[in-house]
């Protein structure tokens, strides 16, 4: 396609990566919906609804934190030393959490309370730090707070879908001038 390189240069690689992640989130949401009956898990007053409301609240918090601290994080932490320290620190946290031999308290995502879901959601905010994995932060936080590996992974996916779609929408909004001229 002619002009693609110029468009990529105008938009920036970071925005294209965010859009690609948003595309992956839509595919992930479709795959999860195909494999599970999510509607039955979201009955009014059921624990599933509480977890989904927490996921929505985490999305709002991620947007607020991203807008509030995005420039500061880019200015001070997007350098080789802070990123390397985040990688190394994250590795030690993973080793520490994996070395704990606690039996899971929660076998299913719907078993967790909204308080636990919120704590795990805050672990995802660590991904604002360059070098910290969003899914890694979420899964390790979930394991720390007593979820089984299966439930931790599922909860990470539930948090990923709105976060990545939101990042994609924000990236489209931010680059709307370049996209409208293409």
N, C-alpha and C. Protein backbone atom coordinates (compact mmCIF):
# COMPACT_ATOMS: atom_id res chain seq x y z
N UNK A 1 0.86 -1.18 0.00
CA UNK A 1 0.00 0.00 0.00
C UNK A 1 0.89 1.23 0.00
N UNK A 2 0.74 2.09 -0.99
CA UNK A 2 1.55 3.30 -1.06
C UNK A 2 1.16 4.25 0.04
N UNK A 3 2.15 4.89 0.64
CA UNK A 3 1.90 5.88 1.68
C UNK A 3 1.82 5.29 3.08
N UNK A 4 1.90 3.97 3.21
CA UNK A 4 1.80 3.35 4.53
C UNK A 4 2.96 3.77 5.41
N UNK A 5 4.19 3.79 4.84
CA UNK A 5 5.34 4.18 5.63
C UNK A 5 5.22 5.61 6.12
N UNK A 6 4.70 6.50 5.26
CA UNK A 6 4.53 7.89 5.69
C UNK A 6 3.50 7.99 6.81
N UNK A 7 2.41 7.22 6.68
CA UNK A 7 1.37 7.24 7.71
C UNK A 7 1.93 6.72 9.02
N UNK A 8 2.71 5.62 8.99
CA UNK A 8 3.29 5.07 10.20
C UNK A 8 4.23 6.07 10.85
N UNK A 9 4.99 6.80 10.03
CA UNK A 9 5.88 7.81 10.59
C UNK A 9 5.12 8.96 11.22
N UNK A 10 3.99 9.38 10.61
CA UNK A 10 3.20 10.47 11.15
C UNK A 10 2.50 10.08 12.45
N UNK A 11 1.96 8.87 12.48
CA UNK A 11 1.23 8.43 13.67
C UNK A 11 2.19 8.05 14.78
N UNK A 12 3.23 7.35 14.46
CA UNK A 12 4.17 6.89 15.46
C UNK A 12 3.95 5.41 15.73
N UNK A 13 5.06 4.73 15.94
CA UNK A 13 5.01 3.29 16.15
C UNK A 13 4.20 2.95 17.39
N UNK A 14 4.33 3.75 18.46
CA UNK A 14 3.62 3.47 19.71
C UNK A 14 2.11 3.44 19.49
N UNK A 15 1.58 4.39 18.74
CA UNK A 15 0.14 4.41 18.48
C UNK A 15 -0.29 3.21 17.67
N UNK A 16 0.52 2.81 16.69
CA UNK A 16 0.18 1.62 15.90
C UNK A 16 0.20 0.37 16.76
N UNK A 17 1.15 0.28 17.71
CA UNK A 17 1.19 -0.87 18.61
C UNK A 17 -0.05 -0.91 19.49
N UNK A 18 -0.49 0.24 20.00
CA UNK A 18 -1.69 0.30 20.83
C UNK A 18 -2.90 -0.13 20.03
N UNK A 19 -3.00 0.34 18.78
CA UNK A 19 -4.12 -0.05 17.92
C UNK A 19 -4.10 -1.55 17.67
N UNK A 20 -2.91 -2.12 17.47
CA UNK A 20 -2.79 -3.56 17.26
C UNK A 20 -3.24 -4.32 18.51
N UNK A 21 -2.89 -3.82 19.69
CA UNK A 21 -3.34 -4.46 20.93
C UNK A 21 -4.84 -4.35 21.07
N UNK A 22 -5.41 -3.24 20.67
CA UNK A 22 -6.87 -3.09 20.72
C UNK A 22 -7.55 -4.11 19.83
N UNK A 23 -6.97 -4.36 18.66
CA UNK A 23 -7.48 -5.37 17.75
C UNK A 23 -7.40 -6.75 18.40
N UNK A 24 -6.32 -7.03 19.10
CA UNK A 24 -6.17 -8.30 19.80
C UNK A 24 -7.21 -8.41 20.91
N UNK A 25 -7.51 -7.32 21.58
CA UNK A 25 -8.51 -7.35 22.66
C UNK A 25 -9.89 -7.69 22.11
N UNK A 26 -10.23 -7.15 20.96
CA UNK A 26 -11.53 -7.47 20.35
C UNK A 26 -11.58 -8.95 19.99
N UNK A 27 -10.50 -9.47 19.43
CA UNK A 27 -10.45 -10.90 19.09
C UNK A 27 -10.54 -11.75 20.35
N UNK A 28 -9.86 -11.33 21.40
CA UNK A 28 -9.90 -12.05 22.67
C UNK A 28 -11.31 -12.05 23.25
N UNK A 29 -11.96 -10.91 23.22
CA UNK A 29 -13.33 -10.81 23.74
C UNK A 29 -14.26 -11.74 22.97
N UNK A 30 -14.08 -11.81 21.67
CA UNK A 30 -14.90 -12.68 20.84
C UNK A 30 -14.64 -14.15 21.19
N UNK A 31 -13.38 -14.51 21.39
CA UNK A 31 -13.03 -15.89 21.72
C UNK A 31 -13.59 -16.28 23.09
N UNK A 32 -13.47 -15.38 24.06
CA UNK A 32 -14.00 -15.66 25.40
C UNK A 32 -15.51 -15.81 25.35
N UNK A 33 -16.17 -14.95 24.61
CA UNK A 33 -17.63 -15.02 24.51
C UNK A 33 -18.08 -16.31 23.83
N UNK A 34 -17.29 -16.80 22.86
CA UNK A 34 -17.63 -18.06 22.19
C UNK A 34 -17.50 -19.25 23.13
N UNK A 35 -16.52 -19.21 24.03
CA UNK A 35 -16.25 -20.35 24.89
C UNK A 35 -17.10 -20.36 26.16
N UNK A 36 -17.60 -19.22 26.58
CA UNK A 36 -18.31 -19.16 27.85
C UNK A 36 -19.61 -18.39 27.67
N UNK A 37 -20.59 -18.76 28.45
CA UNK A 37 -21.83 -18.02 28.47
C UNK A 37 -21.70 -16.92 29.52
N UNK A 38 -21.18 -15.78 29.10
CA UNK A 38 -20.94 -14.69 30.04
C UNK A 38 -22.24 -14.06 30.53
N UNK A 39 -23.29 -14.13 29.74
CA UNK A 39 -24.54 -13.50 30.15
C UNK A 39 -25.11 -14.17 31.39
N UNK A 40 -24.98 -15.48 31.51
CA UNK A 40 -25.49 -16.19 32.67
C UNK A 40 -24.72 -15.88 33.93
N UNK A 41 -23.51 -15.38 33.77
CA UNK A 41 -22.67 -15.08 34.93
C UNK A 41 -22.86 -13.65 35.42
N UNK A 42 -23.68 -12.88 34.75
CA UNK A 42 -23.84 -11.47 35.10
C UNK A 42 -25.25 -11.15 35.56
N UNK A 43 -25.89 -12.09 36.21
CA UNK A 43 -27.24 -11.83 36.69
C UNK A 43 -27.21 -10.73 37.73
N UNK A 44 -28.27 -9.95 37.76
CA UNK A 44 -28.34 -8.84 38.70
C UNK A 44 -28.19 -9.35 40.12
N UNK A 45 -27.24 -8.78 40.84
CA UNK A 45 -27.01 -9.17 42.23
C UNK A 45 -26.05 -10.33 42.36
N UNK A 46 -25.72 -11.01 41.28
CA UNK A 46 -24.78 -12.12 41.35
C UNK A 46 -23.36 -11.62 41.48
N UNK A 47 -22.48 -12.49 41.97
CA UNK A 47 -21.08 -12.11 42.14
C UNK A 47 -20.42 -11.76 40.81
N UNK A 48 -20.86 -12.40 39.72
CA UNK A 48 -20.29 -12.10 38.41
C UNK A 48 -20.47 -10.64 38.04
N UNK A 49 -21.63 -10.07 38.39
CA UNK A 49 -21.88 -8.66 38.10
C UNK A 49 -20.93 -7.78 38.89
N UNK A 50 -20.67 -8.14 40.14
CA UNK A 50 -19.76 -7.36 40.98
C UNK A 50 -18.37 -7.33 40.36
N UNK A 51 -17.89 -8.49 39.91
CA UNK A 51 -16.56 -8.56 39.30
C UNK A 51 -16.51 -7.70 38.05
N UNK A 52 -17.57 -7.75 37.23
CA UNK A 52 -17.58 -6.95 36.02
C UNK A 52 -17.64 -5.45 36.30
N UNK A 53 -18.34 -5.08 37.35
CA UNK A 53 -18.35 -3.68 37.74
C UNK A 53 -16.97 -3.23 38.21
N UNK A 54 -16.26 -4.11 38.89
CA UNK A 54 -14.89 -3.79 39.31
C UNK A 54 -13.99 -3.65 38.08
N UNK A 55 -14.19 -4.52 37.08
CA UNK A 55 -13.41 -4.41 35.84
C UNK A 55 -13.67 -3.05 35.20
N UNK A 56 -14.92 -2.63 35.16
CA UNK A 56 -15.26 -1.32 34.60
C UNK A 56 -14.62 -0.19 35.43
N UNK A 57 -14.67 -0.32 36.74
CA UNK A 57 -14.05 0.69 37.61
C UNK A 57 -12.54 0.75 37.37
N UNK A 58 -11.90 -0.41 37.14
CA UNK A 58 -10.47 -0.45 36.87
C UNK A 58 -10.15 0.24 35.55
N UNK A 59 -11.03 0.08 34.57
CA UNK A 59 -10.82 0.75 33.30
C UNK A 59 -10.83 2.26 33.51
N UNK A 60 -11.80 2.74 34.25
CA UNK A 60 -11.88 4.17 34.54
C UNK A 60 -10.62 4.62 35.29
N UNK A 61 -10.21 3.84 36.29
CA UNK A 61 -9.01 4.18 37.05
C UNK A 61 -7.77 4.19 36.16
N UNK A 62 -7.67 3.21 35.24
CA UNK A 62 -6.52 3.16 34.32
C UNK A 62 -6.49 4.40 33.43
N UNK A 63 -7.65 4.82 32.97
CA UNK A 63 -7.73 6.02 32.13
C UNK A 63 -7.30 7.25 32.94
N UNK A 64 -7.82 7.37 34.15
CA UNK A 64 -7.48 8.51 35.00
C UNK A 64 -5.99 8.52 35.33
N UNK A 65 -5.45 7.36 35.76
CA UNK A 65 -4.03 7.28 36.08
C UNK A 65 -3.17 7.54 34.84
N UNK A 66 -3.58 6.98 33.70
CA UNK A 66 -2.82 7.19 32.47
C UNK A 66 -2.79 8.65 32.06
N UNK A 67 -3.94 9.32 32.15
CA UNK A 67 -3.98 10.74 31.80
C UNK A 67 -3.24 11.59 32.82
N UNK A 68 -3.35 11.24 34.09
CA UNK A 68 -2.71 12.04 35.15
C UNK A 68 -1.19 11.89 35.16
N UNK A 69 -0.71 10.66 34.94
CA UNK A 69 0.72 10.41 35.11
C UNK A 69 1.44 10.02 33.83
N UNK A 70 0.73 9.94 32.71
CA UNK A 70 1.33 9.48 31.46
C UNK A 70 2.56 10.27 31.05
N UNK A 71 2.47 11.59 31.09
CA UNK A 71 3.61 12.42 30.68
C UNK A 71 4.78 12.30 31.65
N UNK A 72 4.48 12.24 32.95
CA UNK A 72 5.53 12.10 33.96
C UNK A 72 6.24 10.76 33.80
N UNK A 73 5.45 9.70 33.59
CA UNK A 73 6.04 8.37 33.40
C UNK A 73 6.92 8.37 32.16
N UNK A 74 6.44 8.91 31.05
CA UNK A 74 7.25 8.93 29.83
C UNK A 74 8.52 9.75 30.01
N UNK A 75 8.40 10.87 30.70
CA UNK A 75 9.55 11.75 30.87
C UNK A 75 10.62 11.13 31.77
N UNK A 76 10.21 10.48 32.86
CA UNK A 76 11.19 10.02 33.85
C UNK A 76 11.50 8.53 33.80
N UNK A 77 10.58 7.72 33.30
CA UNK A 77 10.78 6.28 33.40
C UNK A 77 11.05 5.58 32.06
N UNK A 78 10.86 6.26 30.94
CA UNK A 78 11.11 5.64 29.64
C UNK A 78 12.57 5.80 29.25
N UNK A 79 13.44 5.25 30.09
CA UNK A 79 14.88 5.26 29.85
C UNK A 79 15.40 3.87 30.18
N UNK A 80 16.54 3.49 29.66
CA UNK A 80 17.04 2.12 29.84
C UNK A 80 17.16 1.66 31.30
N UNK A 81 17.69 2.51 32.18
CA UNK A 81 17.92 2.08 33.57
C UNK A 81 16.60 1.82 34.30
N UNK A 82 15.62 2.74 34.28
CA UNK A 82 14.35 2.43 34.96
C UNK A 82 13.64 1.20 34.38
N UNK A 83 13.70 1.03 33.06
CA UNK A 83 13.05 -0.14 32.44
C UNK A 83 13.76 -1.42 32.90
N UNK A 84 15.10 -1.41 32.90
CA UNK A 84 15.85 -2.59 33.35
C UNK A 84 15.56 -2.89 34.82
N UNK A 85 15.48 -1.86 35.64
CA UNK A 85 15.17 -2.07 37.06
C UNK A 85 13.76 -2.63 37.24
N UNK A 86 12.84 -2.19 36.42
CA UNK A 86 11.47 -2.73 36.49
C UNK A 86 11.45 -4.21 36.09
N UNK A 87 12.19 -4.56 35.03
CA UNK A 87 12.30 -5.97 34.62
C UNK A 87 12.86 -6.82 35.77
N UNK A 88 13.95 -6.35 36.34
CA UNK A 88 14.62 -7.11 37.40
C UNK A 88 13.74 -7.19 38.65
N UNK A 89 13.17 -6.05 39.05
CA UNK A 89 12.28 -6.05 40.22
C UNK A 89 11.08 -6.94 40.00
N UNK A 90 10.50 -6.89 38.80
CA UNK A 90 9.36 -7.75 38.48
C UNK A 90 9.72 -9.22 38.55
N UNK A 91 10.92 -9.56 38.10
CA UNK A 91 11.38 -10.96 38.15
C UNK A 91 11.48 -11.44 39.59
N UNK A 92 12.01 -10.60 40.48
CA UNK A 92 12.10 -10.99 41.89
C UNK A 92 10.72 -11.14 42.53
N UNK A 93 9.79 -10.27 42.16
CA UNK A 93 8.43 -10.39 42.67
C UNK A 93 7.79 -11.71 42.20
N UNK A 94 8.00 -12.05 40.93
CA UNK A 94 7.47 -13.32 40.41
C UNK A 94 8.07 -14.50 41.18
N UNK A 95 9.38 -14.49 41.36
CA UNK A 95 10.03 -15.57 42.10
C UNK A 95 9.48 -15.68 43.52
N UNK A 96 9.28 -14.55 44.18
CA UNK A 96 8.76 -14.54 45.55
C UNK A 96 7.34 -15.10 45.60
N UNK A 97 6.47 -14.63 44.70
CA UNK A 97 5.09 -15.11 44.69
C UNK A 97 5.04 -16.60 44.35
N UNK A 98 5.85 -17.03 43.39
CA UNK A 98 5.87 -18.44 43.00
C UNK A 98 6.44 -19.33 44.11
N UNK A 99 7.30 -18.79 44.97
CA UNK A 99 7.90 -19.60 46.04
C UNK A 99 6.93 -19.83 47.20
N UNK A 100 5.89 -19.02 47.29
CA UNK A 100 4.87 -19.21 48.33
C UNK A 100 4.07 -20.47 48.00
N UNK A 101 3.81 -21.26 48.97
CA UNK A 101 3.10 -22.52 48.73
C UNK A 101 1.70 -22.48 49.33
N UNK A 102 1.04 -21.35 49.22
CA UNK A 102 -0.31 -21.22 49.74
C UNK A 102 -1.31 -21.86 48.79
N UNK A 103 -2.27 -22.58 49.35
CA UNK A 103 -3.34 -23.16 48.54
C UNK A 103 -4.27 -22.03 48.09
N UNK A 104 -4.77 -22.09 46.86
CA UNK A 104 -5.70 -21.05 46.40
C UNK A 104 -6.96 -20.98 47.26
N UNK A 105 -7.41 -19.78 47.51
CA UNK A 105 -8.66 -19.55 48.25
C UNK A 105 -9.83 -19.54 47.28
N UNK A 106 -9.61 -19.01 46.09
CA UNK A 106 -10.67 -18.84 45.09
C UNK A 106 -10.34 -19.70 43.87
N UNK A 107 -11.24 -20.61 43.51
CA UNK A 107 -11.04 -21.47 42.35
C UNK A 107 -11.60 -20.84 41.07
N UNK A 108 -12.61 -20.01 41.19
CA UNK A 108 -13.28 -19.39 40.05
C UNK A 108 -13.29 -17.88 40.22
N UNK A 109 -13.32 -17.15 39.12
CA UNK A 109 -13.36 -15.69 39.17
C UNK A 109 -14.60 -15.21 39.92
N UNK A 110 -15.72 -15.88 39.72
CA UNK A 110 -16.96 -15.46 40.37
C UNK A 110 -16.95 -15.66 41.87
N UNK A 111 -15.97 -16.39 42.40
CA UNK A 111 -15.88 -16.63 43.84
C UNK A 111 -15.28 -15.45 44.59
N UNK A 112 -14.57 -14.57 43.89
CA UNK A 112 -13.86 -13.51 44.60
C UNK A 112 -14.81 -12.37 44.95
N UNK A 113 -14.47 -11.67 46.02
CA UNK A 113 -15.26 -10.52 46.45
C UNK A 113 -14.85 -9.30 45.63
N UNK A 114 -15.66 -8.28 45.68
CA UNK A 114 -15.31 -7.06 44.95
C UNK A 114 -14.06 -6.43 45.53
N UNK A 115 -13.83 -6.61 46.85
CA UNK A 115 -12.63 -6.04 47.46
C UNK A 115 -11.37 -6.71 46.91
N UNK A 116 -11.42 -8.03 46.78
CA UNK A 116 -10.28 -8.76 46.22
C UNK A 116 -10.08 -8.38 44.76
N UNK A 117 -11.17 -8.30 44.02
CA UNK A 117 -11.07 -7.91 42.61
C UNK A 117 -10.45 -6.52 42.47
N UNK A 118 -10.81 -5.61 43.35
CA UNK A 118 -10.26 -4.26 43.30
C UNK A 118 -8.76 -4.27 43.62
N UNK A 119 -8.35 -5.07 44.60
CA UNK A 119 -6.92 -5.18 44.94
C UNK A 119 -6.12 -5.69 43.75
N UNK A 120 -6.67 -6.71 43.09
CA UNK A 120 -5.99 -7.27 41.92
C UNK A 120 -5.95 -6.22 40.80
N UNK A 121 -7.03 -5.49 40.66
CA UNK A 121 -7.07 -4.43 39.65
C UNK A 121 -6.00 -3.38 39.87
N UNK A 122 -5.74 -3.05 41.13
CA UNK A 122 -4.69 -2.07 41.42
C UNK A 122 -3.31 -2.62 41.05
N UNK A 123 -3.14 -3.93 41.13
CA UNK A 123 -1.86 -4.51 40.70
C UNK A 123 -1.62 -4.24 39.22
N UNK A 124 -2.71 -4.19 38.45
CA UNK A 124 -2.58 -3.92 37.02
C UNK A 124 -2.01 -2.52 36.79
N UNK A 125 -2.27 -1.59 37.70
CA UNK A 125 -1.76 -0.23 37.54
C UNK A 125 -0.24 -0.18 37.53
N UNK A 126 0.41 -1.22 38.07
CA UNK A 126 1.87 -1.28 38.01
C UNK A 126 2.38 -1.31 36.57
N UNK A 127 1.52 -1.71 35.65
CA UNK A 127 1.91 -1.78 34.23
C UNK A 127 2.12 -0.40 33.63
N UNK A 128 1.74 0.65 34.32
CA UNK A 128 2.06 2.00 33.84
C UNK A 128 3.57 2.23 33.86
N UNK A 129 4.27 1.46 34.70
CA UNK A 129 5.73 1.56 34.79
C UNK A 129 6.33 0.82 33.60
N UNK A 130 7.12 1.48 32.78
CA UNK A 130 7.74 0.80 31.63
C UNK A 130 8.56 -0.40 32.11
N UNK A 131 8.39 -1.51 31.44
CA UNK A 131 9.09 -2.73 31.81
C UNK A 131 8.23 -3.68 32.64
N UNK A 132 7.07 -3.22 33.09
CA UNK A 132 6.16 -4.06 33.85
C UNK A 132 5.07 -4.57 32.91
N UNK A 133 4.84 -5.85 32.94
CA UNK A 133 3.83 -6.47 32.08
C UNK A 133 2.45 -6.29 32.69
N UNK A 134 1.47 -5.89 31.86
CA UNK A 134 0.10 -5.72 32.34
C UNK A 134 -0.46 -7.06 32.81
N UNK A 135 -0.35 -8.06 31.95
CA UNK A 135 -0.90 -9.36 32.33
C UNK A 135 -0.10 -9.98 33.46
N UNK A 136 1.22 -9.82 33.43
CA UNK A 136 2.06 -10.35 34.51
C UNK A 136 1.72 -9.72 35.85
N UNK A 137 1.54 -8.41 35.87
CA UNK A 137 1.18 -7.72 37.12
C UNK A 137 -0.16 -8.20 37.63
N UNK A 138 -1.11 -8.37 36.73
CA UNK A 138 -2.46 -8.80 37.12
C UNK A 138 -2.45 -10.24 37.62
N UNK A 139 -1.80 -11.13 36.87
CA UNK A 139 -1.79 -12.54 37.26
C UNK A 139 -1.03 -12.73 38.57
N UNK A 140 0.11 -12.09 38.73
CA UNK A 140 0.86 -12.23 39.98
C UNK A 140 0.07 -11.65 41.16
N UNK A 141 -0.60 -10.52 40.94
CA UNK A 141 -1.44 -9.96 42.00
C UNK A 141 -2.57 -10.90 42.37
N UNK A 142 -3.17 -11.52 41.36
CA UNK A 142 -4.27 -12.46 41.61
C UNK A 142 -3.77 -13.69 42.38
N UNK A 143 -2.61 -14.21 42.00
CA UNK A 143 -2.05 -15.35 42.73
C UNK A 143 -1.75 -14.95 44.18
N UNK A 144 -1.19 -13.76 44.36
CA UNK A 144 -0.88 -13.28 45.71
C UNK A 144 -2.14 -13.18 46.57
N UNK A 145 -3.24 -12.73 45.97
CA UNK A 145 -4.48 -12.55 46.73
C UNK A 145 -5.34 -13.81 46.76
N UNK A 146 -4.79 -14.97 46.34
CA UNK A 146 -5.45 -16.23 46.59
C UNK A 146 -6.23 -16.86 45.46
N UNK A 147 -6.11 -16.38 44.23
CA UNK A 147 -6.81 -17.02 43.12
C UNK A 147 -6.02 -18.22 42.61
N UNK A 148 -6.73 -19.20 42.09
CA UNK A 148 -6.06 -20.31 41.42
C UNK A 148 -5.43 -19.78 40.14
N UNK A 149 -4.52 -20.52 39.56
CA UNK A 149 -3.88 -20.08 38.31
C UNK A 149 -4.92 -19.87 37.21
N UNK A 150 -5.86 -20.77 37.11
CA UNK A 150 -6.91 -20.65 36.08
C UNK A 150 -7.73 -19.39 36.29
N UNK A 151 -8.16 -19.14 37.52
CA UNK A 151 -8.96 -17.96 37.82
C UNK A 151 -8.14 -16.68 37.63
N UNK A 152 -6.86 -16.72 38.00
CA UNK A 152 -5.99 -15.55 37.83
C UNK A 152 -5.84 -15.19 36.36
N UNK A 153 -5.65 -16.20 35.52
CA UNK A 153 -5.51 -15.96 34.09
C UNK A 153 -6.82 -15.44 33.50
N UNK A 154 -7.93 -16.02 33.91
CA UNK A 154 -9.23 -15.57 33.40
C UNK A 154 -9.49 -14.12 33.82
N UNK A 155 -9.19 -13.79 35.06
CA UNK A 155 -9.41 -12.42 35.53
C UNK A 155 -8.52 -11.45 34.77
N UNK A 156 -7.29 -11.87 34.48
CA UNK A 156 -6.39 -11.02 33.70
C UNK A 156 -6.97 -10.73 32.32
N UNK A 157 -7.59 -11.75 31.70
CA UNK A 157 -8.23 -11.53 30.41
C UNK A 157 -9.40 -10.57 30.53
N UNK A 158 -10.19 -10.71 31.59
CA UNK A 158 -11.32 -9.80 31.78
C UNK A 158 -10.85 -8.36 31.95
N UNK A 159 -9.72 -8.16 32.63
CA UNK A 159 -9.18 -6.81 32.77
C UNK A 159 -8.54 -6.33 31.47
N UNK A 160 -8.01 -7.25 30.67
CA UNK A 160 -7.32 -6.86 29.43
C UNK A 160 -8.28 -6.30 28.40
N UNK A 161 -9.43 -6.89 28.29
CA UNK A 161 -10.34 -6.53 27.20
C UNK A 161 -10.70 -5.04 27.25
N UNK A 162 -11.27 -4.53 28.33
CA UNK A 162 -11.61 -3.10 28.31
C UNK A 162 -10.39 -2.18 28.32
N UNK A 163 -9.31 -2.61 28.95
CA UNK A 163 -8.11 -1.77 29.01
C UNK A 163 -7.52 -1.60 27.62
N UNK A 164 -7.36 -2.68 26.87
CA UNK A 164 -6.75 -2.59 25.54
C UNK A 164 -7.68 -1.91 24.54
N UNK A 165 -8.97 -2.17 24.64
CA UNK A 165 -9.91 -1.47 23.75
C UNK A 165 -9.88 0.02 24.08
N UNK A 166 -9.87 0.36 25.36
CA UNK A 166 -9.81 1.77 25.76
C UNK A 166 -8.54 2.44 25.26
N UNK A 167 -7.40 1.74 25.35
CA UNK A 167 -6.14 2.30 24.86
C UNK A 167 -6.20 2.51 23.35
N UNK A 168 -6.82 1.56 22.65
CA UNK A 168 -6.97 1.71 21.20
C UNK A 168 -7.84 2.89 20.83
N UNK A 169 -8.96 3.05 21.53
CA UNK A 169 -9.86 4.18 21.26
C UNK A 169 -9.16 5.50 21.56
N UNK A 170 -8.43 5.55 22.68
CA UNK A 170 -7.70 6.77 23.03
C UNK A 170 -6.64 7.09 21.98
N UNK A 171 -5.94 6.06 21.50
CA UNK A 171 -4.92 6.27 20.48
C UNK A 171 -5.54 6.79 19.19
N UNK A 172 -6.68 6.24 18.81
CA UNK A 172 -7.39 6.75 17.63
C UNK A 172 -7.78 8.21 17.83
N UNK A 173 -8.28 8.54 19.01
CA UNK A 173 -8.66 9.92 19.29
C UNK A 173 -7.44 10.83 19.22
N UNK A 174 -6.35 10.41 19.84
CA UNK A 174 -5.13 11.21 19.88
C UNK A 174 -4.57 11.45 18.48
N UNK A 175 -4.70 10.49 17.59
CA UNK A 175 -4.15 10.58 16.24
C UNK A 175 -5.20 10.90 15.20
N UNK A 176 -6.35 11.44 15.62
CA UNK A 176 -7.47 11.66 14.71
C UNK A 176 -7.12 12.62 13.57
N UNK A 177 -6.28 13.58 13.79
CA UNK A 177 -5.88 14.51 12.74
C UNK A 177 -5.12 13.83 11.63
N UNK A 178 -4.20 12.98 11.98
CA UNK A 178 -3.40 12.25 10.99
C UNK A 178 -4.29 11.26 10.25
N UNK A 179 -5.18 10.59 10.98
CA UNK A 179 -6.03 9.57 10.35
C UNK A 179 -7.03 10.20 9.38
N UNK A 180 -7.50 11.40 9.69
CA UNK A 180 -8.49 12.03 8.81
C UNK A 180 -7.87 12.51 7.49
N UNK A 181 -6.55 12.73 7.47
CA UNK A 181 -5.89 13.15 6.24
C UNK A 181 -5.43 11.97 5.39
N UNK A 182 -5.48 10.76 5.95
CA UNK A 182 -4.96 9.59 5.23
C UNK A 182 -5.89 9.08 4.20
